[in-house]
N, C-alpha and C. Protein backbone atom coordinates (compact mmCIF):
# COMPACT_ATOMS: atom_id res chain seq x y z
N MET A 1 184.12 136.53 116.11
CA MET A 1 182.60 136.76 116.80
C MET A 1 181.49 135.39 116.24
N MET A 2 180.63 135.27 116.63
CA MET A 2 180.15 133.83 116.37
C MET A 2 179.90 133.88 115.08
N GLU A 3 179.40 134.85 114.54
CA GLU A 3 178.49 135.49 113.28
C GLU A 3 179.77 134.82 111.89
N ASN A 4 180.85 134.66 112.43
CA ASN A 4 181.84 134.68 111.75
C ASN A 4 182.14 133.59 111.89
N ARG A 5 182.11 132.58 113.02
CA ARG A 5 182.01 130.95 113.16
C ARG A 5 181.44 130.32 112.43
N ALA A 6 179.97 130.64 112.68
CA ALA A 6 178.83 130.40 111.51
C ALA A 6 179.00 130.54 110.06
N ALA A 7 179.30 131.40 109.84
CA ALA A 7 179.20 131.73 108.30
C ALA A 7 180.71 130.80 107.77
N LYS A 8 181.75 130.58 108.72
CA LYS A 8 183.16 129.65 108.31
C LYS A 8 182.33 128.24 108.20
N VAL A 9 181.67 127.87 109.20
CA VAL A 9 181.09 126.18 109.29
C VAL A 9 180.34 126.43 108.09
N LEU A 10 179.45 127.28 107.81
CA LEU A 10 178.64 126.81 106.59
C LEU A 10 179.39 127.00 105.15
N GLN A 11 180.55 127.41 105.19
CA GLN A 11 181.11 127.37 104.02
C GLN A 11 182.29 125.97 103.87
N ILE A 12 182.22 125.49 105.08
CA ILE A 12 182.93 123.99 104.92
C ILE A 12 181.79 123.44 104.40
N LEU A 13 180.61 123.17 105.55
CA LEU A 13 179.96 122.45 105.10
C LEU A 13 179.06 122.40 103.18
N LYS A 14 179.34 123.50 102.69
CA LYS A 14 179.05 123.97 101.66
C LYS A 14 180.15 122.59 100.74
N GLN A 15 181.57 122.98 100.76
CA GLN A 15 182.39 122.52 100.05
C GLN A 15 182.00 120.79 100.22
N THR A 16 181.69 119.96 101.10
CA THR A 16 182.00 119.28 101.95
C THR A 16 180.73 118.04 101.49
N LEU A 17 179.76 119.02 101.28
CA LEU A 17 178.28 117.80 101.45
C LEU A 17 177.54 118.66 100.14
N ALA A 18 176.74 117.76 99.44
CA ALA A 18 176.68 118.57 98.38
C ALA A 18 174.68 118.33 98.68
N LEU A 19 173.77 119.46 98.13
CA LEU A 19 172.72 120.14 98.55
C LEU A 19 171.68 118.89 97.70
N PRO A 20 170.53 118.62 98.12
CA PRO A 20 169.18 117.79 96.61
C PRO A 20 169.62 118.22 95.50
N ALA A 21 169.39 117.59 94.63
CA ALA A 21 169.02 118.54 92.81
C ALA A 21 167.75 119.20 93.33
N TRP A 22 166.86 118.69 94.01
CA TRP A 22 165.60 119.27 93.75
C TRP A 22 165.47 120.82 94.27
N THR A 23 166.35 121.27 95.03
CA THR A 23 166.73 122.50 95.85
C THR A 23 166.50 123.86 94.85
N LYS A 24 166.70 122.98 93.17
CA LYS A 24 166.89 124.44 92.52
C LYS A 24 165.21 124.18 91.74
N SER A 25 164.62 124.13 92.27
CA SER A 25 163.13 124.13 92.48
C SER A 25 162.38 124.48 93.57
N LYS A 26 161.04 124.57 93.24
CA LYS A 26 160.42 125.01 94.22
C LYS A 26 159.37 124.22 94.56
N PRO A 27 159.19 123.08 95.65
CA PRO A 27 157.84 122.25 95.40
C PRO A 27 156.50 122.91 95.73
N ALA A 28 155.39 122.34 95.11
CA ALA A 28 153.87 122.06 94.92
C ALA A 28 153.75 122.85 96.99
N PRO A 29 153.21 123.46 97.49
CA PRO A 29 152.52 124.03 98.84
C PRO A 29 152.30 122.47 98.76
N PHE A 30 151.41 122.51 98.57
CA PHE A 30 150.34 121.13 99.53
C PHE A 30 150.58 120.11 99.65
N GLU A 31 152.01 119.96 98.26
CA GLU A 31 152.93 118.56 98.41
C GLU A 31 153.56 118.45 99.85
N THR A 32 154.35 119.97 99.25
CA THR A 32 155.14 119.83 100.58
C THR A 32 154.49 119.49 101.99
N LEU A 33 153.46 119.67 102.22
CA LEU A 33 152.22 119.85 103.67
C LEU A 33 152.41 118.18 103.94
N VAL A 34 151.98 117.56 102.37
CA VAL A 34 151.59 116.30 102.65
C VAL A 34 152.85 115.33 103.28
N ILE A 35 153.94 115.47 102.20
CA ILE A 35 155.03 115.03 102.38
C ILE A 35 155.84 115.05 103.49
N THR A 36 155.34 116.23 104.46
CA THR A 36 156.21 116.87 105.43
C THR A 36 155.14 116.14 106.94
N ILE A 37 153.64 115.41 106.39
CA ILE A 37 152.71 115.24 107.80
C ILE A 37 153.23 113.87 107.86
N ILE A 38 153.39 113.21 106.70
CA ILE A 38 154.26 111.95 106.39
C ILE A 38 154.99 111.25 106.80
N SER A 39 156.01 112.28 107.07
CA SER A 39 157.68 112.26 107.35
C SER A 39 157.79 112.46 108.92
N GLN A 40 156.59 112.56 109.39
CA GLN A 40 157.09 112.88 110.90
C GLN A 40 156.99 110.92 111.49
N ASN A 41 158.17 111.51 112.50
CA ASN A 41 158.51 110.19 113.08
C ASN A 41 158.74 108.88 111.82
N THR A 42 159.52 109.30 110.97
CA THR A 42 159.45 107.76 110.02
C THR A 42 160.91 108.42 109.50
N ALA A 43 161.75 107.91 108.85
CA ALA A 43 162.88 107.05 107.88
C ALA A 43 162.45 107.94 106.54
N ASP A 44 163.09 108.25 105.94
CA ASP A 44 162.74 108.92 104.34
C ASP A 44 162.47 108.29 103.79
N ILE A 45 163.17 107.04 103.36
CA ILE A 45 162.88 106.12 102.22
C ILE A 45 161.42 105.30 103.00
N ASN A 46 160.67 105.78 103.88
CA ASN A 46 159.47 105.10 103.87
C ASN A 46 158.36 106.33 103.73
N THR A 47 158.99 107.62 103.76
CA THR A 47 158.09 108.78 103.72
C THR A 47 158.05 108.60 102.32
N ALA A 48 159.28 108.38 101.56
CA ALA A 48 159.04 108.37 99.61
C ALA A 48 158.40 107.28 99.28
N LYS A 49 158.00 105.95 100.25
CA LYS A 49 157.23 104.94 99.53
C LYS A 49 155.93 105.19 99.91
N ALA A 50 155.60 105.84 100.92
CA ALA A 50 153.67 106.44 101.22
C ALA A 50 153.83 107.17 100.47
N PHE A 51 154.42 108.28 99.86
CA PHE A 51 154.31 109.69 99.42
C PHE A 51 154.40 108.46 97.80
N GLU A 52 154.88 108.33 97.92
CA GLU A 52 154.54 107.70 95.82
C GLU A 52 153.54 106.35 95.77
N THR A 53 153.10 105.76 97.39
CA THR A 53 151.69 104.82 96.43
C THR A 53 150.81 105.51 96.93
N LEU A 54 150.64 106.81 97.65
CA LEU A 54 149.67 107.81 97.47
C LEU A 54 149.57 108.85 96.89
N SER A 55 150.46 108.95 95.93
CA SER A 55 150.04 110.11 94.82
C SER A 55 149.58 108.96 93.27
N LYS A 56 149.93 107.62 93.71
CA LYS A 56 149.03 106.60 92.61
C LYS A 56 148.17 106.57 92.28
N ARG A 57 148.24 106.49 93.61
CA ARG A 57 146.28 106.31 94.09
C ARG A 57 145.14 107.64 93.88
N PHE A 58 145.48 108.83 94.69
CA PHE A 58 145.10 109.55 94.08
C PHE A 58 145.91 110.82 93.58
N GLU A 59 145.23 111.76 93.32
CA GLU A 59 145.91 113.04 92.55
C GLU A 59 146.26 113.80 94.16
N ILE A 60 147.41 114.46 94.39
CA ILE A 60 147.54 115.26 95.47
C ILE A 60 147.16 116.57 95.35
N SER A 61 145.87 116.47 96.20
CA SER A 61 145.06 117.82 96.15
C SER A 61 143.90 117.85 97.31
N PRO A 62 143.75 118.71 97.66
CA PRO A 62 142.99 119.21 98.19
C PRO A 62 141.59 118.81 98.08
N LYS A 63 141.16 118.99 97.23
CA LYS A 63 139.60 118.44 96.46
C LYS A 63 139.89 117.23 96.40
N ALA A 64 140.80 116.10 95.90
CA ALA A 64 141.03 115.23 95.25
C ALA A 64 140.83 113.90 96.67
N LEU A 65 142.22 114.60 98.11
CA LEU A 65 142.30 114.01 99.04
C LEU A 65 141.16 114.49 100.41
N VAL A 66 140.30 115.36 100.02
CA VAL A 66 139.08 115.30 100.70
C VAL A 66 137.64 114.26 100.94
N SER A 67 137.71 113.76 99.15
CA SER A 67 137.19 113.19 98.57
C SER A 67 137.24 111.33 99.20
N ALA A 68 138.62 111.39 99.39
CA ALA A 68 138.84 110.50 99.07
C ALA A 68 138.88 109.21 100.33
N PRO A 69 138.19 108.29 99.83
CA PRO A 69 137.85 107.55 101.61
C PRO A 69 138.90 107.04 102.55
N LEU A 70 139.26 107.80 103.43
CA LEU A 70 139.76 107.73 104.94
C LEU A 70 140.75 106.59 104.49
N GLY A 71 139.78 104.63 104.99
CA GLY A 71 140.62 104.46 104.83
C GLY A 71 141.70 103.95 103.92
N GLU A 72 141.16 104.66 102.68
CA GLU A 72 142.01 103.92 101.37
C GLU A 72 143.56 105.10 101.23
N ILE A 73 143.55 106.56 102.64
CA ILE A 73 144.41 106.89 102.58
C ILE A 73 145.84 106.54 103.45
N GLU A 74 144.67 106.25 104.80
CA GLU A 74 145.27 105.11 105.50
C GLU A 74 146.40 104.12 105.21
N ALA A 75 145.83 103.36 104.00
CA ALA A 75 146.47 101.98 103.41
C ALA A 75 147.83 102.68 102.51
N ALA A 76 147.37 103.45 101.84
CA ALA A 76 148.86 103.91 100.98
C ALA A 76 149.88 104.79 101.62
N ILE A 77 149.69 105.27 102.64
CA ILE A 77 150.87 105.85 103.32
C ILE A 77 151.23 105.07 104.79
N ARG A 78 150.56 103.69 104.87
CA ARG A 78 151.33 102.52 105.73
C ARG A 78 152.39 102.74 106.16
N THR A 79 153.10 102.79 105.55
CA THR A 79 154.68 102.61 105.44
C THR A 79 155.16 103.04 106.30
N ALA A 80 154.86 104.84 106.63
CA ALA A 80 155.10 105.48 106.94
C ALA A 80 155.19 105.36 108.75
N GLY A 81 154.22 104.53 109.15
CA GLY A 81 153.95 104.41 110.12
C GLY A 81 152.96 105.49 110.55
N LEU A 82 152.43 105.10 112.16
CA LEU A 82 151.26 106.11 112.23
C LEU A 82 150.25 106.48 111.43
N TRP A 83 149.93 105.95 110.22
CA TRP A 83 148.95 106.15 109.11
C TRP A 83 147.73 106.15 109.78
N LYS A 84 147.12 106.22 110.58
CA LYS A 84 145.64 106.25 111.25
C LYS A 84 146.07 107.71 111.22
N ALA A 85 146.31 108.52 112.27
CA ALA A 85 146.78 109.93 112.17
C ALA A 85 147.07 110.80 111.52
N LYS A 86 148.48 109.76 110.52
CA LYS A 86 148.58 111.31 109.83
C LYS A 86 147.32 111.31 108.70
N ALA A 87 146.75 109.95 108.19
CA ALA A 87 145.61 110.57 107.31
C ALA A 87 144.65 111.10 107.56
N LYS A 88 144.20 111.43 108.79
CA LYS A 88 143.46 112.43 109.45
C LYS A 88 143.72 113.91 109.54
N THR A 89 144.83 113.48 109.78
CA THR A 89 145.58 115.14 109.52
C THR A 89 146.14 115.36 108.39
N ILE A 90 146.15 114.67 107.38
CA ILE A 90 146.31 114.93 106.22
C ILE A 90 144.62 115.17 105.40
N GLN A 91 143.62 114.59 105.68
CA GLN A 91 142.26 114.91 105.17
C GLN A 91 141.83 116.68 106.05
N VAL A 92 142.16 116.47 107.49
CA VAL A 92 141.08 117.49 108.22
C VAL A 92 142.05 118.77 106.96
N ALA A 93 143.09 118.62 107.27
CA ALA A 93 144.51 120.54 106.39
C ALA A 93 143.61 120.02 104.99
N ALA A 94 143.13 119.11 103.95
CA ALA A 94 142.65 119.41 103.14
C ALA A 94 141.85 120.06 103.19
N ARG A 95 140.82 119.96 103.78
CA ARG A 95 139.23 120.16 104.13
C ARG A 95 139.16 121.93 104.69
N CYS A 96 140.07 122.07 105.64
CA CYS A 96 140.67 123.67 105.98
C CYS A 96 141.03 124.74 104.84
N ILE A 97 142.28 123.51 103.81
CA ILE A 97 142.57 124.86 102.44
C ILE A 97 141.98 124.93 101.78
N LEU A 98 140.24 123.64 101.50
CA LEU A 98 139.15 124.11 100.51
C LEU A 98 138.21 125.14 101.11
N GLU A 99 137.87 125.09 102.48
CA GLU A 99 136.79 125.58 103.49
C GLU A 99 137.63 127.33 103.62
N LYS A 100 138.81 127.21 103.78
CA LYS A 100 139.27 128.63 104.27
C LYS A 100 140.12 129.29 103.02
N TYR A 101 140.57 128.90 102.06
CA TYR A 101 141.24 129.25 100.91
C TYR A 101 141.22 129.03 100.01
N HIS A 102 140.15 128.37 99.23
CA HIS A 102 139.36 127.84 98.41
C HIS A 102 140.22 126.96 97.52
N GLY A 103 140.68 126.30 97.99
CA GLY A 103 141.21 125.30 97.87
C GLY A 103 143.31 125.56 97.24
N SER A 104 143.56 126.60 97.50
CA SER A 104 145.01 127.13 97.18
C SER A 104 145.92 127.33 98.41
N LEU A 105 147.15 127.36 99.07
CA LEU A 105 147.71 127.48 100.09
C LEU A 105 148.34 129.05 99.75
N GLN A 106 148.12 129.45 98.46
CA GLN A 106 148.71 130.53 98.01
C GLN A 106 148.28 132.02 98.47
N PRO A 107 146.86 132.08 99.08
CA PRO A 107 147.10 132.95 99.84
C PRO A 107 147.52 133.35 101.30
N LEU A 108 147.48 132.34 101.87
CA LEU A 108 148.12 131.70 103.04
C LEU A 108 150.06 132.05 103.22
N LEU A 109 150.15 131.46 101.81
CA LEU A 109 151.65 131.61 101.68
C LEU A 109 152.36 132.88 101.35
N SER A 110 151.37 133.64 100.74
CA SER A 110 151.60 135.32 101.19
C SER A 110 151.81 136.45 101.90
N LEU A 111 151.61 135.11 103.00
CA LEU A 111 151.38 136.56 104.11
C LEU A 111 152.53 137.33 105.40
N ARG A 112 152.60 137.89 105.64
CA ARG A 112 153.85 138.06 106.34
C ARG A 112 154.35 136.26 107.04
N LEU A 113 155.34 135.82 107.24
CA LEU A 113 155.85 134.88 107.86
C LEU A 113 155.36 134.11 109.27
N GLU A 114 155.20 135.40 109.99
CA GLU A 114 154.67 135.08 111.45
C GLU A 114 153.37 134.70 111.25
N GLN A 115 152.62 135.94 110.70
CA GLN A 115 151.05 134.98 110.14
C GLN A 115 151.18 134.03 109.08
N ALA A 116 151.62 133.82 108.05
CA ALA A 116 151.65 132.67 107.55
C ALA A 116 152.11 131.29 108.20
N ARG A 117 152.82 131.44 109.69
CA ARG A 117 153.05 130.20 110.61
C ARG A 117 152.50 130.18 111.05
N ASP A 118 151.75 131.34 111.96
CA ASP A 118 150.71 130.61 112.65
C ASP A 118 149.12 130.44 111.97
N ALA A 119 148.68 130.68 110.99
CA ALA A 119 147.31 130.26 109.88
C ALA A 119 148.09 128.76 109.73
N LEU A 120 149.10 128.49 109.52
CA LEU A 120 149.60 127.28 109.29
C LEU A 120 149.72 126.18 110.30
N MET A 121 149.42 126.59 111.26
CA MET A 121 149.75 125.72 112.27
C MET A 121 148.31 125.94 113.58
N GLN A 122 147.29 126.22 112.28
CA GLN A 122 145.85 126.76 112.89
C GLN A 122 145.26 124.86 112.39
N PHE A 123 146.01 124.15 111.26
CA PHE A 123 145.09 123.08 110.94
C PHE A 123 146.06 121.89 111.75
N PRO A 124 144.66 120.93 112.55
CA PRO A 124 145.52 120.48 113.46
C PRO A 124 146.30 119.21 113.21
N GLY A 125 146.77 119.12 113.58
CA GLY A 125 148.63 118.29 113.52
C GLY A 125 149.31 118.95 112.93
N VAL A 126 149.44 119.91 112.60
CA VAL A 126 150.24 120.71 111.89
C VAL A 126 151.03 121.63 112.50
N GLY A 127 152.44 121.36 113.29
CA GLY A 127 153.01 121.88 114.21
C GLY A 127 154.31 123.14 114.12
N PRO A 128 155.12 123.49 114.39
CA PRO A 128 155.73 124.62 113.99
C PRO A 128 156.95 123.96 112.38
N LYS A 129 157.63 122.61 113.30
CA LYS A 129 158.03 121.76 112.20
C LYS A 129 157.72 122.43 110.43
N THR A 130 156.84 121.30 110.36
CA THR A 130 155.71 121.15 109.20
C THR A 130 155.65 122.58 108.89
N ALA A 131 155.09 123.54 109.13
CA ALA A 131 155.01 124.87 108.85
C ALA A 131 156.12 124.84 108.14
N ASP A 132 156.95 125.03 109.44
CA ASP A 132 157.99 125.90 108.18
C ASP A 132 158.88 125.74 107.52
N VAL A 133 159.10 123.73 107.16
CA VAL A 133 159.07 123.32 106.12
C VAL A 133 158.15 123.81 104.66
N VAL A 134 156.75 124.05 104.79
CA VAL A 134 155.78 124.34 103.89
C VAL A 134 156.79 125.85 103.60
N LEU A 135 156.72 126.40 104.20
CA LEU A 135 157.04 128.54 104.21
C LEU A 135 158.83 128.42 103.24
N LEU A 136 159.66 126.97 104.14
CA LEU A 136 160.74 127.79 103.38
C LEU A 136 161.08 127.23 101.97
N PHE A 137 160.74 125.57 101.60
CA PHE A 137 160.94 125.07 101.07
C PHE A 137 159.74 125.34 99.72
N SER A 138 158.27 125.91 99.58
CA SER A 138 157.96 126.42 98.73
C SER A 138 157.24 127.58 98.52
N ALA A 139 157.29 128.28 99.54
CA ALA A 139 157.23 129.90 99.95
C ALA A 139 158.57 130.90 99.71
N ASN A 140 159.50 130.68 99.66
CA ASN A 140 160.79 130.87 99.95
C ASN A 140 160.71 132.19 101.10
N GLN A 141 159.67 131.79 102.78
CA GLN A 141 159.62 132.26 103.23
C GLN A 141 161.48 132.03 104.27
N PRO A 142 161.72 133.49 105.13
CA PRO A 142 162.97 132.95 105.49
C PRO A 142 162.82 132.35 107.08
N THR A 143 162.56 131.00 106.89
CA THR A 143 162.68 130.83 108.34
C THR A 143 163.59 129.41 108.47
N ILE A 144 163.54 128.91 109.42
CA ILE A 144 164.96 127.46 109.20
C ILE A 144 163.88 126.32 110.07
N PRO A 145 163.01 125.39 108.90
CA PRO A 145 162.61 124.22 110.31
C PRO A 145 164.38 123.45 110.92
N VAL A 146 163.56 123.17 112.32
CA VAL A 146 164.40 122.36 112.92
C VAL A 146 164.03 120.90 113.07
N ASP A 147 164.52 119.89 112.89
CA ASP A 147 164.31 118.83 113.45
C ASP A 147 165.03 118.01 114.16
N THR A 148 165.32 117.08 114.57
CA THR A 148 166.75 116.45 114.96
C THR A 148 167.71 116.49 115.01
N HIS A 149 167.94 116.70 113.90
CA HIS A 149 169.59 116.62 113.50
C HIS A 149 169.61 118.08 113.77
N VAL A 150 169.07 118.93 113.05
CA VAL A 150 169.46 120.23 113.14
C VAL A 150 168.98 121.07 114.59
N ASP A 151 168.43 120.03 115.56
CA ASP A 151 168.83 120.70 116.69
C ASP A 151 169.82 120.31 117.13
N ARG A 152 170.59 119.19 117.28
CA ARG A 152 171.47 118.51 118.02
C ARG A 152 172.74 118.92 117.45
N VAL A 153 173.51 119.73 115.62
CA VAL A 153 174.52 120.06 115.30
C VAL A 153 174.19 121.45 115.83
N ALA A 154 172.85 122.45 116.33
CA ALA A 154 173.31 123.57 115.80
C ALA A 154 173.59 123.70 117.71
N LYS A 155 173.25 122.68 118.66
CA LYS A 155 173.70 122.90 120.09
C LYS A 155 175.18 122.41 120.20
N ARG A 156 175.56 121.46 119.37
CA ARG A 156 177.06 120.64 119.61
C ARG A 156 177.69 121.86 119.02
N LEU A 157 177.47 123.24 118.17
CA LEU A 157 178.20 123.92 117.18
C LEU A 157 178.31 124.70 118.06
N GLY A 158 177.89 125.09 119.51
CA GLY A 158 177.21 126.35 120.38
C GLY A 158 176.62 127.30 119.49
N PHE A 159 175.40 127.12 118.62
CA PHE A 159 174.63 128.13 118.27
C PHE A 159 173.21 128.66 118.58
N ALA A 160 173.60 127.78 119.96
CA ALA A 160 172.12 127.43 120.22
C ALA A 160 172.17 127.17 122.20
N PRO A 161 171.46 127.51 122.72
CA PRO A 161 171.68 126.47 123.86
C PRO A 161 171.57 125.30 124.38
N GLU A 162 172.47 124.30 124.77
CA GLU A 162 171.73 123.03 125.28
C GLU A 162 170.33 122.45 125.34
N LYS A 163 169.58 123.15 126.59
CA LYS A 163 168.36 123.24 126.64
C LYS A 163 167.07 124.14 125.75
N GLY A 164 167.67 124.59 125.14
CA GLY A 164 166.49 125.31 123.90
C GLY A 164 166.17 124.39 122.93
N ASP A 165 164.39 124.95 123.32
CA ASP A 165 163.58 124.18 123.00
C ASP A 165 163.56 124.88 121.17
N TYR A 166 162.45 124.09 120.16
CA TYR A 166 162.32 124.33 118.95
C TYR A 166 162.62 125.88 119.06
N GLU A 167 161.19 126.74 119.35
CA GLU A 167 161.77 128.17 118.76
C GLU A 167 163.05 129.30 119.43
N VAL A 168 163.82 128.72 120.20
CA VAL A 168 165.01 129.26 120.56
C VAL A 168 165.79 128.71 119.17
N VAL A 169 166.37 127.69 119.28
CA VAL A 169 167.16 127.06 118.48
C VAL A 169 167.02 127.89 117.15
N ARG A 170 165.51 127.60 116.74
CA ARG A 170 165.13 128.18 114.95
C ARG A 170 165.35 129.59 115.21
N GLN A 171 165.01 130.81 116.21
CA GLN A 171 165.56 132.06 115.83
C GLN A 171 167.21 132.20 116.53
N GLY A 172 168.06 131.46 116.77
CA GLY A 172 169.69 131.28 117.56
C GLY A 172 169.96 131.68 115.50
N LEU A 173 169.65 130.25 115.18
CA LEU A 173 170.31 129.87 113.73
C LEU A 173 169.54 131.16 112.75
N MET A 174 168.31 131.76 112.68
CA MET A 174 167.80 132.59 112.12
C MET A 174 169.03 134.06 112.11
N ALA A 175 169.35 134.23 113.51
CA ALA A 175 170.26 134.97 113.75
C ALA A 175 171.31 135.46 113.26
N LEU A 176 171.83 134.26 113.47
CA LEU A 176 173.92 133.81 112.61
C LEU A 176 173.90 133.57 111.24
N PHE A 177 172.55 133.59 110.38
CA PHE A 177 172.67 133.15 109.40
C PHE A 177 172.16 133.83 107.74
N LYS A 178 172.36 134.25 107.08
CA LYS A 178 171.68 135.37 106.43
C LYS A 178 170.96 134.86 105.19
N PRO A 179 169.26 134.66 105.61
CA PRO A 179 167.85 134.29 104.56
C PRO A 179 168.53 133.56 103.17
N ALA A 180 169.05 134.08 102.32
CA ALA A 180 169.45 133.56 101.67
C ALA A 180 170.28 132.01 101.66
N ASP A 181 170.46 131.76 102.82
CA ASP A 181 171.30 130.34 103.53
C ASP A 181 170.59 129.34 104.29
N PHE A 182 168.98 130.19 104.63
CA PHE A 182 168.19 129.22 105.43
C PHE A 182 168.06 127.85 104.82
N LEU A 183 167.83 127.71 103.91
CA LEU A 183 167.24 126.59 103.07
C LEU A 183 168.76 125.78 102.91
N ALA A 184 170.05 126.19 102.73
CA ALA A 184 171.01 125.30 102.88
C ALA A 184 171.52 125.03 104.36
N VAL A 185 171.22 125.86 105.15
CA VAL A 185 171.34 125.50 106.83
C VAL A 185 171.06 124.32 107.00
N HIS A 186 169.39 124.63 107.22
CA HIS A 186 168.29 123.06 106.82
C HIS A 186 169.09 122.27 106.38
N LEU A 187 169.66 122.23 105.05
CA LEU A 187 169.94 120.53 104.43
C LEU A 187 171.12 120.12 104.66
N LEU A 188 172.25 121.34 104.91
CA LEU A 188 173.33 120.90 105.08
C LEU A 188 173.71 120.23 106.37
N PHE A 189 172.59 120.74 108.12
CA PHE A 189 172.73 120.83 109.10
C PHE A 189 172.35 119.29 109.07
N ILE A 190 171.11 118.29 108.78
CA ILE A 190 170.66 117.13 108.43
C ILE A 190 171.30 116.31 107.75
N ALA A 191 172.38 116.78 106.69
CA ALA A 191 173.24 115.78 105.76
C ALA A 191 174.12 115.94 107.02
N HIS A 192 174.69 117.02 107.83
CA HIS A 192 176.12 116.32 108.62
C HIS A 192 175.30 115.88 109.79
N GLY A 193 174.19 115.59 110.06
CA GLY A 193 174.31 115.26 111.32
C GLY A 193 173.99 114.10 111.27
N ARG A 194 173.51 113.46 109.96
CA ARG A 194 172.83 111.95 109.69
C ARG A 194 175.06 111.31 109.22
N LYS A 195 175.74 111.98 108.87
CA LYS A 195 176.97 111.55 108.27
C LYS A 195 177.74 111.32 109.08
N THR A 196 178.25 112.31 110.09
CA THR A 196 179.48 112.71 110.72
C THR A 196 178.44 112.79 111.94
N CYS A 197 177.86 114.00 112.32
CA CYS A 197 177.29 114.36 113.81
C CYS A 197 176.38 114.01 114.08
N LYS A 198 176.32 112.07 114.26
CA LYS A 198 175.07 111.34 114.72
C LYS A 198 175.26 111.92 116.23
N SER A 199 173.82 111.15 116.75
CA SER A 199 173.63 111.07 117.90
C SER A 199 174.38 110.47 118.88
N GLN A 200 174.56 109.66 118.05
CA GLN A 200 175.24 108.25 119.02
C GLN A 200 176.70 108.16 118.37
N ARG A 201 177.76 107.97 119.33
CA ARG A 201 178.63 107.84 118.72
C ARG A 201 179.37 108.58 117.29
N PRO A 202 179.24 110.31 117.16
CA PRO A 202 179.70 110.53 116.59
C PRO A 202 180.95 110.86 115.74
N LEU A 203 181.14 110.90 114.56
CA LEU A 203 182.15 111.28 113.92
C LEU A 203 183.20 112.09 114.09
N CYS A 204 183.80 112.88 115.74
CA CYS A 204 184.16 113.84 115.53
C CYS A 204 185.64 114.06 114.87
N SER A 205 186.46 112.95 115.20
CA SER A 205 187.56 112.69 114.03
C SER A 205 187.77 113.29 112.89
N GLN A 206 186.27 112.90 112.59
CA GLN A 206 186.35 113.12 110.86
C GLN A 206 185.39 114.22 110.64
N CYS A 207 184.92 114.75 111.58
CA CYS A 207 184.34 116.14 111.20
C CYS A 207 185.05 117.30 110.26
N PRO A 208 184.58 117.64 109.23
CA PRO A 208 184.92 118.60 109.14
C PRO A 208 185.15 120.25 109.60
N VAL A 209 184.26 120.39 110.41
CA VAL A 209 184.16 122.06 111.39
C VAL A 209 184.63 121.50 112.89
N ASN A 210 185.43 120.49 112.82
CA ASN A 210 186.16 119.99 114.37
C ASN A 210 186.20 121.33 114.57
N ALA A 211 187.44 122.13 113.82
CA ALA A 211 188.04 123.31 114.57
C ALA A 211 187.01 124.62 115.26
N PHE A 212 185.75 124.28 114.69
CA PHE A 212 185.27 125.35 114.99
C PHE A 212 183.93 124.64 115.72
N CYS A 213 184.26 123.59 116.48
CA CYS A 213 182.87 123.47 116.96
C CYS A 213 183.82 123.50 118.74
N PRO A 214 182.87 124.05 119.69
CA PRO A 214 183.28 123.67 121.42
C PRO A 214 183.63 122.46 121.35
N SER A 215 182.85 121.13 121.04
CA SER A 215 182.40 120.08 121.19
C SER A 215 184.20 119.73 121.44
N ASN A 216 184.69 119.87 120.94
CA ASN A 216 185.41 119.54 119.63
C ASN A 216 186.69 117.70 119.95
N GLY A 217 185.48 117.52 119.59
CA GLY A 217 185.95 115.81 120.10
C GLY A 217 185.55 115.12 121.21
N LYS A 218 185.10 115.86 121.85
CA LYS A 218 184.94 115.19 123.29
C LYS A 218 183.88 114.05 123.45
N TRP A 219 182.90 114.27 121.64
CA TRP A 219 181.76 113.17 122.38
C TRP A 219 182.71 111.79 121.44
N ASP A 220 183.59 111.89 120.92
CA ASP A 220 184.59 110.37 120.63
C ASP A 220 184.62 109.41 121.80
N THR A 221 184.90 110.03 122.75
CA THR A 221 185.42 109.30 124.08
C THR A 221 183.94 108.61 124.58
N ILE A 222 182.41 109.11 124.28
CA ILE A 222 181.26 108.86 124.55
C ILE A 222 180.81 106.99 124.54
């Protein structure tokens, strides 16, 4: 059964890869939203630098970022790229939270999963992955964000159809794993994708889950 194979893959990844220390705590929802917006189409190191600069200049709260000059937000997050679009998205989201939710995401995050996802995606510039990250990391909601690494690993392992879109992959993974493991699945698939199951020239011969992978080394010859 695929569920048994999925459980074995997750068990091995847990044994061979480490989860980040921060997973023992729950990040503040608005901070998670801002970080995820900044992280779009950029490397982790650039995200970290941009968020650090932004948090040194402004309190990371809806009220503070709505009041901040847009140009200063842009300058603070410039290292992350696409700074004009991202700064606007951050400020518009902050304004929406102030106007609709009295400055707190908590009422929204307390909704049922799909309602909360829909509400978050009403913010301009916030798509399903950003919504799922906020819900999983900051609200313990049972969802699995699908980034490029999660998408690639899931498809190579045969856990999602090769041409499946975001929602097909998310639903496929959620059907295979227990909700208590959703955070681990998301983070470990990312780590495995970066370290071993790379987009170009994946290290199949070194892969700890090769025996459970339908691809089974075929990528080594590409």
